[in-house]
Amino acid sequence: MKVTVDEDKCCGAGNCVLLAPEVFDQREDDGIVILLDAEPGEGLHAQVREAAAVCPAGAIEAGEQA
């Protein structure tokens, strides 16, 4: 899985951090998403997909690697 985030779209809701704290964090000053792991292990794929699905700004993309 390859994960990308668009910081410009991020609204700082924090749903991604709650669902997959191993993969996402937030900046202290403005709450914008920080991608901690662009290629998370298989055990995290379901959480990352859910985080992408519930992101209110659509700032997270998670797709299979080529």
C-alpha atoms as a PDB file:
ATOM      1  CA  MET A   1       0.000   0.000   0.000  1.00  0.00           C
ATOM      2  CA  LYS A   2       1.156   3.501  -0.856  1.00  0.00           C
ATOM      3  CA  VAL A   3      -0.288   6.384   1.183  1.00  0.00           C
ATOM      4  CA  THR A   4      -0.191  10.042   0.192  1.00  0.00           C
ATOM      5  CA  VAL A   5      -1.602  13.113   1.899  1.00  0.00           C
ATOM      6  CA  ASP A   6      -2.431  16.551   0.547  1.00  0.00           C
ATOM      7  CA  GLU A   7      -1.569  19.004   3.305  1.00  0.00           C
ATOM      8  CA  ASP A   8      -3.300  21.805   1.392  1.00  0.00           C
ATOM      9  CA  LYS A   9      -6.634  19.944   1.596  1.00  0.00           C
ATOM     10  CA  CYS A  10      -6.276  18.874   5.235  1.00  0.00           C
ATOM     11  CA  CYS A  11      -8.659  20.596   7.645  1.00  0.00           C
ATOM     12  CA  GLY A  12      -7.089  19.178  10.811  1.00  0.00           C
ATOM     13  CA  ALA A  13     -10.065  17.052  11.903  1.00  0.00           C
ATOM     14  CA  GLY A  14      -7.744  14.367  13.289  1.00  0.00           C
ATOM     15  CA  ASN A  15      -9.831  11.330  12.326  1.00  0.00           C
ATOM     16  CA  CYS A  16      -6.811   9.768  10.632  1.00  0.00           C
ATOM     17  CA  VAL A  17      -4.713  10.006  13.790  1.00  0.00           C
ATOM     18  CA  LEU A  18      -7.458   8.399  15.860  1.00  0.00           C
ATOM     19  CA  LEU A  19      -7.833   5.518  13.394  1.00  0.00           C
ATOM     20  CA  ALA A  20      -4.181   4.899  12.479  1.00  0.00           C
ATOM     21  CA  PRO A  21      -1.752   6.650  14.862  1.00  0.00           C
ATOM     22  CA  GLU A  22       1.114   4.521  13.540  1.00  0.00           C
ATOM     23  CA  VAL A  23       0.662   6.094  10.102  1.00  0.00           C
ATOM     24  CA  PHE A  24      -0.615   9.630  10.771  1.00  0.00           C
ATOM     25  CA  ASP A  25       0.118  12.448  13.195  1.00  0.00           C
ATOM     26  CA  GLN A  26      -0.764  16.149  13.330  1.00  0.00           C
ATOM     27  CA  ARG A  27       1.377  19.259  13.480  1.00  0.00           C
ATOM     28  CA  GLU A  28       1.275  20.964  16.867  1.00  0.00           C
ATOM     29  CA  ASP A  29       0.696  24.481  15.548  1.00  0.00           C
ATOM     30  CA  ASP A  30      -2.200  23.959  13.126  1.00  0.00           C
ATOM     31  CA  GLY A  31      -3.304  20.311  13.286  1.00  0.00           C
ATOM     32  CA  ILE A  32      -2.390  19.555   9.675  1.00  0.00           C
ATOM     33  CA  VAL A  33      -1.718  15.884   8.949  1.00  0.00           C
ATOM     34  CA  ILE A  34       1.801  14.457   9.054  1.00  0.00           C
ATOM     35  CA  LEU A  35       2.394  11.199   7.202  1.00  0.00           C
ATOM     36  CA  LEU A  36       4.572   8.969   9.385  1.00  0.00           C
ATOM     37  CA  ASP A  37       4.589   5.871   7.160  1.00  0.00           C
ATOM     38  CA  ALA A  38       3.965   6.111   3.410  1.00  0.00           C
ATOM     39  CA  GLU A  39       4.095   2.319   3.025  1.00  0.00           C
ATOM     40  CA  PRO A  40       2.434   0.789   6.094  1.00  0.00           C
ATOM     41  CA  GLY A  41       2.455  -2.943   6.706  1.00  0.00           C
ATOM     42  CA  GLU A  42      -0.455  -5.147   5.737  1.00  0.00           C
ATOM     43  CA  GLY A  43      -1.770  -5.173   9.296  1.00  0.00           C
ATOM     44  CA  LEU A  44      -2.546  -1.450   9.018  1.00  0.00           C
ATOM     45  CA  HIS A  45      -4.193  -1.417   5.582  1.00  0.00           C
ATOM     46  CA  ALA A  46      -7.786  -1.600   6.849  1.00  0.00           C
ATOM     47  CA  GLN A  47      -7.228   1.273   9.290  1.00  0.00           C
ATOM     48  CA  VAL A  48      -5.570   3.412   6.633  1.00  0.00           C
ATOM     49  CA  ARG A  49      -8.389   2.760   4.150  1.00  0.00           C
ATOM     50  CA  GLU A  50     -10.931   3.728   6.809  1.00  0.00           C
ATOM     51  CA  ALA A  51      -8.965   6.881   7.662  1.00  0.00           C
ATOM     52  CA  ALA A  52      -8.969   7.861   3.979  1.00  0.00           C
ATOM     53  CA  ALA A  53     -12.695   7.138   3.708  1.00  0.00           C
ATOM     54  CA  VAL A  54     -13.677   9.256   6.720  1.00  0.00           C
ATOM     55  CA  CYS A  55     -11.346  12.185   6.016  1.00  0.00           C
ATOM     56  CA  PRO A  56     -13.770  15.118   5.666  1.00  0.00           C
ATOM     57  CA  ALA A  57     -11.405  16.976   3.353  1.00  0.00           C
ATOM     58  CA  GLY A  58     -10.451  14.015   1.160  1.00  0.00           C
ATOM     59  CA  ALA A  59      -6.791  14.710   1.898  1.00  0.00           C
ATOM     60  CA  ILE A  60      -5.679  11.060   2.154  1.00  0.00           C
ATOM     61  CA  GLU A  61      -5.178   8.629  -0.706  1.00  0.00           C
ATOM     62  CA  ALA A  62      -4.364   4.996  -0.137  1.00  0.00           C
ATOM     63  CA  GLY A  63      -3.744   2.688  -3.049  1.00  0.00           C
ATOM     64  CA  GLU A  64      -2.030  -0.539  -3.865  1.00  0.00           C
ATOM     65  CA  GLN A  65       1.581  -0.405  -4.907  1.00  0.00           C
ATOM     66  CA  ALA A  66       2.501  -1.252  -8.456  1.00  0.00           C
END
